[in-house]
Amino acid sequence: MYVVVMGCGRVGASLAGALERIGHEVAIIDRDEAAFLRLDPDFGGHRVVGMGFDRDVLVSAGIEKAEAFAAVSSGDNSNIISARVARETFGVDKVVARIYDAKRAAVYERLGIPTVATVPWATDRFLHNLLRDDPTTKWRDPSGSVAVVLLDFNDAWIGKKLSVLEESTRSRAAFVIRFGVGLLPDKRTVIQAGDEVYVAAVSGTVAEAIALAGNPPPSDD
């Protein structure tokens, strides 16, 4: 796959290097030529100096043959403009933009451009490390806004309604594996021993949901 990466900061350089290592052809764009020093010395991809939303610069980077485009500079506006140009002008199928403002990310998602909202993901990672949780994320939407995780719940939840667990953890039960069979829970579903409970949670609250599920349920008093 031919991939164009816009922005050669730490994320862009890391992404470009990783893509090349797994066999993809990569071009990377940055307005500052010195930024390319962040790339691995053996990086063999195409380096292009210029603004990532400039059409001529994108053409120089091979956007016309690109199958994917990632906008990961430090500027929300530059990222979303370049992502829209890649999608709407050059017809690139796979386009992702890094967005710091989670509220704006939601708007661009509705325009059909997957975004990575940096702050929610960072919040989750800090909480995971501080609380020493290492949950296995089974799925995350393209924007990074919602994740599906397997909850390791406290045994005291057994016999309680799943809806109470949802309310306590500020999550939404996605499905339950019971005796090896998947089921879609409803408001009457009661947690049983051996249940594998998968919940969807908004980024920034995932680690909190996991920690709360590990505690006993709140008192009925």
Protein backbone atom coordinates (compact mmCIF):
# COMPACT_ATOMS: atom_id res chain seq x y z
CA MET A 1 0.00 0.00 0.00
CA TYR A 2 1.23 3.52 -0.79
CA VAL A 3 0.70 5.85 2.18
CA VAL A 4 1.22 9.61 2.50
CA VAL A 5 1.87 10.95 6.00
CA MET A 6 1.50 14.67 6.65
CA GLY A 7 3.59 15.86 9.60
CA CYS A 8 6.98 14.58 10.67
CA GLY A 9 6.75 15.17 14.39
CA ARG A 10 7.23 12.29 16.81
CA VAL A 11 3.94 10.66 15.83
CA GLY A 12 4.43 11.12 12.10
CA ALA A 13 8.01 9.86 12.14
CA SER A 14 7.03 6.85 14.23
CA LEU A 15 4.04 6.08 11.99
CA ALA A 16 6.06 6.40 8.79
CA GLY A 17 8.77 4.14 10.13
CA ALA A 18 6.28 1.53 11.32
CA LEU A 19 4.44 1.52 7.98
CA GLU A 20 7.68 1.02 6.08
CA ARG A 21 8.85 -1.76 8.39
CA ILE A 22 5.71 -3.78 7.69
CA GLY A 23 6.17 -3.45 3.96
CA HIS A 24 4.28 -0.35 2.84
CA GLU A 25 5.62 2.40 0.59
CA VAL A 26 5.61 5.75 2.39
CA ALA A 27 5.93 9.44 1.57
CA ILE A 28 6.11 11.97 4.39
CA ILE A 29 5.47 15.70 4.23
CA ASP A 30 6.63 18.47 6.56
CA ARG A 31 7.10 22.20 6.10
CA ASP A 32 10.38 22.05 8.05
CA GLU A 33 13.10 19.99 6.38
CA ALA A 34 14.85 19.58 9.74
CA ALA A 35 11.85 17.56 10.95
CA PHE A 36 13.00 14.66 8.78
CA LEU A 37 15.89 14.16 11.19
CA ARG A 38 13.34 12.41 13.43
CA LEU A 39 13.09 9.59 10.91
CA ASP A 40 15.18 6.47 11.31
CA PRO A 41 18.49 6.78 9.43
CA ASP A 42 17.53 3.82 7.24
CA PHE A 43 14.10 5.24 6.31
CA GLY A 44 13.76 4.79 2.57
CA GLY A 45 10.53 6.65 1.96
CA HIS A 46 9.97 9.84 0.00
CA ARG A 47 10.49 13.12 1.90
CA VAL A 48 8.62 16.20 0.69
CA VAL A 49 9.07 19.71 2.07
CA GLY A 50 5.95 21.88 2.03
CA MET A 51 2.50 22.48 3.44
CA GLY A 52 0.50 19.28 3.63
CA PHE A 53 -2.71 20.87 2.36
CA ASP A 54 -1.05 22.38 -0.75
CA ARG A 55 -2.20 20.41 -3.78
CA ASP A 56 1.13 20.67 -5.59
CA VAL A 57 2.92 19.41 -2.51
CA LEU A 58 0.50 16.51 -2.20
CA VAL A 59 1.00 15.65 -5.87
CA SER A 60 4.78 15.69 -5.32
CA ALA A 61 4.25 13.24 -2.47
CA GLY A 62 2.37 10.88 -4.77
CA ILE A 63 -1.14 11.52 -3.46
CA GLU A 64 -2.61 10.58 -6.84
CA LYS A 65 -1.53 6.97 -6.35
CA ALA A 66 -1.94 6.89 -2.56
CA GLU A 67 -4.26 4.35 -1.00
CA ALA A 68 -4.09 5.96 2.45
CA PHE A 69 -3.38 9.37 3.96
CA ALA A 70 -2.63 10.29 7.58
CA ALA A 71 -2.62 13.91 8.78
CA VAL A 72 -0.68 13.97 12.06
CA SER A 73 0.83 17.44 12.31
CA SER A 74 0.45 19.53 15.47
CA GLY A 75 -2.26 21.74 13.97
CA ASP A 76 -5.93 20.73 13.92
CA ASN A 77 -6.76 23.06 11.03
CA SER A 78 -3.87 21.86 8.87
CA ASN A 79 -4.75 18.26 9.57
CA ILE A 80 -8.41 18.52 8.72
CA ILE A 81 -7.87 20.66 5.62
CA SER A 82 -5.26 18.29 4.24
CA ALA A 83 -7.44 15.29 5.09
CA ARG A 84 -10.39 16.80 3.23
CA VAL A 85 -8.24 17.62 0.21
CA ALA A 86 -6.91 14.06 0.16
CA ARG A 87 -10.42 12.62 0.41
CA GLU A 88 -12.47 15.05 -1.67
CA THR A 89 -10.00 16.20 -4.32
CA PHE A 90 -7.82 13.13 -4.82
CA GLY A 91 -10.29 10.45 -3.78
CA VAL A 92 -8.05 8.71 -1.25
CA ASP A 93 -10.11 5.97 0.35
CA LYS A 94 -8.43 5.64 3.75
CA VAL A 95 -7.97 9.02 5.44
CA VAL A 96 -7.32 9.69 9.12
CA ALA A 97 -6.69 13.02 10.87
CA ARG A 98 -5.19 13.70 14.28
CA ILE A 99 -7.36 16.21 16.17
CA TYR A 100 -6.59 17.66 19.58
CA ASP A 101 -10.05 19.12 20.13
CA ALA A 102 -12.37 16.16 20.79
CA LYS A 103 -15.50 18.25 20.11
CA ARG A 104 -14.25 19.20 16.68
CA ALA A 105 -13.28 15.60 16.04
CA ALA A 106 -16.92 14.60 16.42
CA VAL A 107 -17.91 17.13 13.74
CA TYR A 108 -15.35 15.82 11.28
CA GLU A 109 -16.43 12.25 11.98
CA ARG A 110 -19.87 13.22 10.68
CA LEU A 111 -18.17 14.48 7.51
CA GLY A 112 -16.83 10.98 7.00
CA ILE A 113 -13.24 11.63 8.07
CA PRO A 114 -12.05 9.35 10.88
CA THR A 115 -10.13 11.28 13.51
CA VAL A 116 -7.89 10.45 16.43
CA ALA A 117 -8.75 12.69 19.38
CA THR A 118 -5.45 12.96 21.22
CA VAL A 119 -6.67 14.12 24.64
CA PRO A 120 -9.14 11.27 25.36
CA TRP A 121 -6.59 8.64 24.39
CA ALA A 122 -3.92 10.29 26.53
CA THR A 123 -6.31 10.39 29.50
CA ASP A 124 -6.93 6.67 29.19
CA ARG A 125 -3.24 5.82 28.93
CA PHE A 126 -2.34 7.91 32.00
CA LEU A 127 -5.13 6.29 34.02
CA HIS A 128 -4.10 2.82 32.91
CA ASN A 129 -0.54 3.44 34.08
CA LEU A 130 -1.46 5.19 37.32
CA LEU A 131 -3.98 2.52 38.27
CA ARG A 132 -1.79 -0.30 36.93
CA ASP A 133 -4.62 -1.57 34.81
CA ASP A 134 -3.78 -3.28 31.54
CA PRO A 135 -7.14 -3.90 29.91
CA THR A 136 -7.40 -5.56 26.56
CA THR A 137 -9.23 -3.24 24.21
CA LYS A 138 -11.19 -5.44 21.84
CA TRP A 139 -12.29 -2.66 19.51
CA ARG A 140 -11.94 1.10 19.12
CA ASP A 141 -13.75 3.28 16.63
CA PRO A 142 -11.62 5.10 14.01
CA SER A 143 -11.70 8.38 15.94
CA GLY A 144 -10.56 6.77 19.18
CA SER A 145 -13.65 8.14 20.89
CA VAL A 146 -15.28 4.84 21.91
CA ALA A 147 -13.69 1.57 22.99
CA VAL A 148 -15.09 -1.89 23.69
CA VAL A 149 -13.35 -3.68 26.56
CA LEU A 150 -13.76 -6.86 28.57
CA LEU A 151 -14.56 -5.98 32.19
CA ASP A 152 -12.88 -7.94 34.97
CA PHE A 153 -15.67 -7.36 37.50
CA ASN A 154 -15.64 -7.99 41.24
CA ASP A 155 -17.37 -11.25 42.29
CA ALA A 156 -19.78 -9.19 44.38
CA TRP A 157 -21.47 -8.12 41.13
CA ILE A 158 -22.71 -11.68 40.55
CA GLY A 159 -26.48 -11.71 41.01
CA LYS A 160 -26.77 -7.98 40.34
CA LYS A 161 -28.51 -6.51 37.31
CA LEU A 162 -26.14 -5.64 34.50
CA SER A 163 -27.86 -2.27 34.21
CA VAL A 164 -26.54 -1.36 37.68
CA LEU A 165 -23.01 -2.14 36.53
CA GLU A 166 -23.56 0.03 33.47
CA GLU A 167 -24.75 2.94 35.59
CA SER A 168 -21.91 2.59 38.09
CA THR A 169 -19.18 2.43 35.44
CA ARG A 170 -20.74 4.97 33.05
CA SER A 171 -20.49 2.41 30.26
CA ARG A 172 -22.90 0.55 27.99
CA ALA A 173 -23.00 -3.23 27.91
CA ALA A 174 -22.26 -4.32 24.35
CA PHE A 175 -22.66 -8.08 24.75
CA VAL A 176 -22.10 -10.93 27.19
CA ILE A 177 -20.47 -14.31 26.59
CA ARG A 178 -22.26 -16.89 28.76
CA PHE A 179 -21.33 -20.59 28.60
CA GLY A 180 -19.48 -19.86 25.38
CA VAL A 181 -22.49 -18.27 23.67
CA GLY A 182 -22.90 -14.57 22.95
CA LEU A 183 -26.04 -12.74 24.01
CA LEU A 184 -27.33 -9.20 23.78
CA PRO A 185 -28.30 -8.06 27.28
CA ASP A 186 -31.41 -6.09 28.18
CA LYS A 187 -32.53 -4.24 31.30
CA ARG A 188 -33.51 -7.55 32.95
CA THR A 189 -30.15 -9.28 32.45
CA VAL A 190 -28.52 -10.42 35.69
CA ILE A 191 -24.78 -11.05 35.93
CA GLN A 192 -23.92 -14.71 36.44
CA ALA A 193 -20.72 -16.44 37.53
CA GLY A 194 -18.46 -17.02 34.55
CA ASP A 195 -20.00 -14.24 32.44
CA GLU A 196 -17.65 -12.33 30.16
CA VAL A 197 -19.04 -8.81 30.05
CA TYR A 198 -17.98 -6.55 27.21
CA VAL A 199 -18.82 -2.86 27.53
CA ALA A 200 -18.49 0.21 25.35
CA ALA A 201 -17.07 3.32 27.01
CA VAL A 202 -16.08 6.79 25.87
CA SER A 203 -12.35 7.42 25.70
CA GLY A 204 -11.17 9.13 28.83
CA THR A 205 -13.49 6.96 30.96
CA VAL A 206 -12.33 3.47 29.97
CA ALA A 207 -9.76 3.01 32.73
CA GLU A 208 -12.19 4.49 35.24
CA ALA A 209 -14.89 2.00 34.18
CA ILE A 210 -12.49 -0.90 34.59
CA ALA A 211 -11.41 0.27 38.03
CA LEU A 212 -15.02 0.73 39.19
CA ALA A 213 -16.01 -2.71 37.94
CA GLY A 214 -13.21 -4.16 40.04
CA ASN A 215 -14.84 -2.71 43.17
CA PRO A 216 -17.91 -4.15 44.88
CA PRO A 217 -21.26 -2.68 43.77
CA PRO A 218 -22.54 0.37 45.59
CA SER A 219 -24.63 -0.17 48.68
CA ASP A 220 -28.41 -0.32 48.20
CA ASP A 221 -28.81 1.97 51.19
